[in-house]
C-alpha atoms as a PDB file:
ATOM      1  CA  MET A   1      98.328  11.333 186.314  1.00  0.00           C
ATOM      2  CA  LYS A   2      96.593  13.733 183.929  1.00  0.00           C
ATOM      3  CA  PRO A   3      95.428  17.131 185.157  1.00  0.00           C
ATOM      4  CA  CYS A   4      91.675  17.634 185.323  1.00  0.00           C
ATOM      5  CA  THR A   5      90.414  19.474 182.309  1.00  0.00           C
ATOM      6  CA  LYS A   6      87.285  21.596 182.228  1.00  0.00           C
ATOM      7  CA  GLN A   7      85.532  18.881 180.222  1.00  0.00           C
ATOM      8  CA  ASN A   8      86.390  16.236 182.846  1.00  0.00           C
ATOM      9  CA  LYS A   9      85.174  18.462 185.668  1.00  0.00           C
ATOM     10  CA  THR A  10      81.901  19.064 183.837  1.00  0.00           C
ATOM     11  CA  ALA A  11      81.390  15.341 183.241  1.00  0.00           C
ATOM     12  CA  ILE A  12      82.064  14.531 186.899  1.00  0.00           C
ATOM     13  CA  PHE A  13      79.695  17.293 188.018  1.00  0.00           C
ATOM     14  CA  LEU A  14      76.906  15.997 185.743  1.00  0.00           C
ATOM     15  CA  LEU A  15      77.465  12.441 186.940  1.00  0.00           C
ATOM     16  CA  ILE A  16      77.185  13.491 190.590  1.00  0.00           C
ATOM     17  CA  LEU A  17      74.117  15.617 189.812  1.00  0.00           C
ATOM     18  CA  GLY A  18      72.450  12.693 188.024  1.00  0.00           C
ATOM     19  CA  ILE A  19      73.114  10.339 190.925  1.00  0.00           C
ATOM     20  CA  LEU A  20      71.747  12.937 193.343  1.00  0.00           C
ATOM     21  CA  PHE A  21      68.536  13.317 191.319  1.00  0.00           C
ATOM     22  CA  LEU A  22      68.174   9.538 191.087  1.00  0.00           C
ATOM     23  CA  ILE A  23      68.446   9.181 194.866  1.00  0.00           C
ATOM     24  CA  LEU A  24      66.011  12.062 195.375  1.00  0.00           C
ATOM     25  CA  GLY A  25      63.478  10.457 193.015  1.00  0.00           C
ATOM     26  CA  VAL A  26      63.687   7.109 194.799  1.00  0.00           C
ATOM     27  CA  TYR A  27      63.319   8.854 198.162  1.00  0.00           C
ATOM     28  CA  GLN A  28      60.158  10.634 196.971  1.00  0.00           C
ATOM     29  CA  GLY A  29      58.632   7.431 195.579  1.00  0.00           C
ATOM     30  CA  GLY A  30      58.806   8.355 191.897  1.00  0.00           C
ATOM     31  CA  TYR A  31      59.683   4.790 190.954  1.00  0.00           C
ATOM     32  CA  ARG A  32      56.218   3.641 192.033  1.00  0.00           C
ATOM     33  CA  ASP A  33      54.511   5.971 189.555  1.00  0.00           C
ATOM     34  CA  ALA A  34      56.755   4.863 186.694  1.00  0.00           C
ATOM     35  CA  PHE A  35      56.270   1.193 187.573  1.00  0.00           C
ATOM     36  CA  GLN A  36      52.466   1.546 187.708  1.00  0.00           C
ATOM     37  CA  LYS A  37      52.394   3.332 184.343  1.00  0.00           C
ATOM     38  CA  ALA A  38      54.597   0.648 182.786  1.00  0.00           C
ATOM     39  CA  ILE A  39      52.292  -2.094 184.055  1.00  0.00           C
ATOM     40  CA  ARG A  40      49.247  -0.238 182.725  1.00  0.00           C
ATOM     41  CA  VAL A  41      50.816   0.180 179.270  1.00  0.00           C
ATOM     42  CA  CYS A  42      51.815  -3.504 179.121  1.00  0.00           C
ATOM     43  CA  LEU A  43      48.367  -4.684 180.111  1.00  0.00           C
ATOM     44  CA  GLU A  44      46.724  -2.423 177.517  1.00  0.00           C
ATOM     45  CA  CYS A  45      49.035  -3.701 174.769  1.00  0.00           C
ATOM     46  CA  ILE A  46      48.308  -7.323 175.629  1.00  0.00           C
ATOM     47  CA  GLY A  47      44.592  -6.545 175.834  1.00  0.00           C
ATOM     48  CA  ILE A  48      44.002  -7.645 179.425  1.00  0.00           C
ATOM     49  CA  GLY A  49      43.389  -4.161 180.887  1.00  0.00           C
END
C-alpha cells in the first residue's frame, strides 16, 4: 500500500468538501432554483415562454 502523499490528501479533502457543499445545497433547496431557471431558459429558447 502506498503512503499518502500531500497531493492525495489534498484531493481527498477537496472531494469531501465538494460532497459536503453538495449536501448543504440540496438541504437548503438550491436545486429548485437551478431547476426553475433551466426550465425558463428552455422555454424561452423554444419560444413557448
